[in-house]
Protein backbone atom coordinates (compact mmCIF):
# COMPACT_ATOMS: atom_id res chain seq x y z
CA MET A 1 0.00 0.00 0.00
CA ALA A 2 1.55 3.27 -1.08
CA ASN A 3 -0.34 5.53 1.34
CA ALA A 4 -0.45 3.25 4.35
CA SER A 5 1.64 4.13 7.33
CA PHE A 6 4.51 1.82 8.10
CA LEU A 7 6.49 1.25 11.27
CA ASN A 8 10.19 2.11 11.42
CA HIS A 9 12.70 1.37 14.12
CA ILE A 10 15.26 4.15 14.51
CA ASN A 11 17.91 4.12 17.25
CA GLY A 12 15.70 2.12 19.59
CA MET A 13 12.66 4.34 18.94
CA ASP A 14 9.53 3.30 17.12
CA SER A 15 8.20 5.75 14.57
CA GLU A 16 5.43 5.84 12.01
CA SER A 17 5.87 7.24 8.51
CA PHE A 18 3.17 8.60 6.25
CA ARG A 19 3.83 9.00 2.53
CA ALA A 20 1.82 11.45 0.42
CA SER A 21 0.09 10.17 -2.69
CA ARG A 22 1.94 10.39 -5.98
CA TRP A 23 -1.35 11.47 -7.57
CA THR A 24 -1.14 14.93 -5.95
CA SER A 25 0.80 17.92 -7.25
CA GLY A 26 4.40 18.19 -6.14
CA ASN A 27 4.49 14.52 -5.14
CA HIS A 28 4.64 12.81 -8.54
CA LEU A 29 8.32 11.79 -8.50
CA PHE A 30 9.31 12.43 -4.90
CA PRO A 31 6.39 12.14 -2.48
CA THR A 32 6.58 13.96 0.85
CA VAL A 33 7.04 11.75 3.92
CA ILE A 34 6.00 12.75 7.44
CA MET A 35 7.55 10.72 10.24
CA VAL A 36 6.29 10.86 13.83
CA THR A 37 8.69 9.53 16.47
CA ASP A 38 8.35 9.56 20.23
CA ARG A 39 10.30 12.85 20.30
CA ALA A 40 9.74 14.73 17.04
CA VAL A 41 7.70 15.25 13.89
CA VAL A 42 9.85 15.23 10.74
CA ARG A 43 8.93 16.10 7.14
CA HIS A 44 11.17 14.80 4.34
CA LYS A 45 10.77 16.35 0.89
CA ARG A 46 13.14 15.30 -1.89
CA SER A 47 13.83 16.83 -5.26
CA TRP A 48 16.28 16.04 -8.04
CA PHE A 49 19.37 17.46 -6.37
CA SER A 50 18.41 18.21 -2.78
CA LYS A 51 16.50 17.05 0.25
CA ASP A 52 14.48 19.37 2.49
CA GLU A 53 13.93 18.19 6.05
CA ILE A 54 11.98 20.03 8.74
CA SER A 55 11.61 18.69 12.27
CA PHE A 56 9.78 19.88 15.38
CA ASN A 57 10.24 18.58 18.87
CA LEU A 58 6.85 17.29 20.03
CA SER A 59 6.93 19.54 23.09
CA LYS A 60 7.11 22.56 20.72
CA VAL A 61 4.11 21.63 18.55
CA ALA A 62 1.41 24.26 19.04
CA SER A 63 -1.30 22.91 16.74
CA VAL A 64 -2.09 20.37 14.04
CA HIS A 65 -4.45 21.71 11.38
CA ILE A 66 -6.00 19.29 8.88
CA LYS A 67 -7.83 20.55 5.80
CA THR A 68 -9.76 17.70 4.24
CA GLY A 69 -10.90 17.66 0.64
CA LEU A 70 -12.92 15.07 -1.22
CA ILE A 71 -10.05 12.57 -1.28
CA TRP A 72 -6.83 14.10 0.04
CA SER A 73 -5.92 16.05 3.15
CA ASP A 74 -3.51 18.91 3.75
CA ILE A 75 -1.64 18.96 7.06
CA LEU A 76 -0.23 22.07 8.75
CA ILE A 77 1.74 21.58 11.96
CA GLU A 78 2.59 24.82 13.74
CA SER A 79 5.37 25.30 16.25
CA SER A 80 5.28 27.39 19.40
CA GLY A 81 8.86 28.46 18.61
CA GLY A 82 7.82 30.91 15.89
CA THR A 83 9.39 29.00 13.01
CA ASP A 84 7.73 28.28 9.68
CA PRO A 85 4.98 25.67 9.96
CA LEU A 86 5.44 22.16 8.65
CA ALA A 87 3.08 21.78 5.69
CA SER A 88 2.30 18.77 3.55
CA HIS A 89 -0.48 17.90 1.12
CA GLY A 90 -1.71 14.76 -0.56
CA HIS A 91 -2.14 12.50 2.46
CA THR A 92 -5.16 10.31 2.98
CA LYS A 93 -7.75 11.36 5.56
CA ALA A 94 -6.86 8.39 7.74
CA ASP A 95 -3.15 9.24 7.65
CA ALA A 96 -3.85 12.88 8.58
CA GLN A 97 -6.03 11.83 11.52
CA ARG A 98 -3.41 9.30 12.64
CA ILE A 99 -0.67 11.98 12.56
CA ARG A 100 -2.82 14.24 14.73
CA ALA A 101 -3.59 11.37 17.15
CA LEU A 102 0.10 10.44 17.47
CA VAL A 103 1.10 14.05 18.18
CA GLU A 104 -1.65 14.50 20.76
CA GLU A 105 -0.84 11.17 22.39
CA ALA A 106 2.86 11.99 22.58
CA GLN A 107 2.15 15.42 24.01
CA GLY A 108 -0.04 13.85 26.68
CA THR A 109 2.80 11.50 27.59
CA LEU A 110 5.32 14.37 27.66
CA ASN A 111 3.12 16.44 29.96
CA GLY A 112 3.09 13.70 32.57
CA PRO A 113 0.33 11.62 34.11
CA GLU A 114 -1.53 14.61 35.58
CA ARG A 115 -4.06 15.61 32.96
CA LEU A 116 -7.06 17.86 33.09
CA LYS A 117 -10.08 15.71 33.81
CA LEU A 118 -13.37 16.82 32.32
CA CYS A 119 -16.60 15.80 33.98
């Protein structure tokens, strides 16, 4: 499956990677890959002669914005550090929702066991 997430094992850490569809603009030859580890969110974007990589520490992620179209979703991950947001388009709806869930889950783990309990 080209769009399905797959599990990586990097330096003792588990991570999930999400590859954008080749059917979307800008992803025909070199699809964008978003990787979520237990410490960071990383976007890999290749081109003919270069590779662009942006990473945010999970504790610095301010928001995850998902814009869903008929088939594909655009993802915008903003940092609280004031840097440029991490943007990617052409992911499936399920992948976009899984990225958001992983970030929120990791942030809950980073914040400790004391969470706000809603009644």
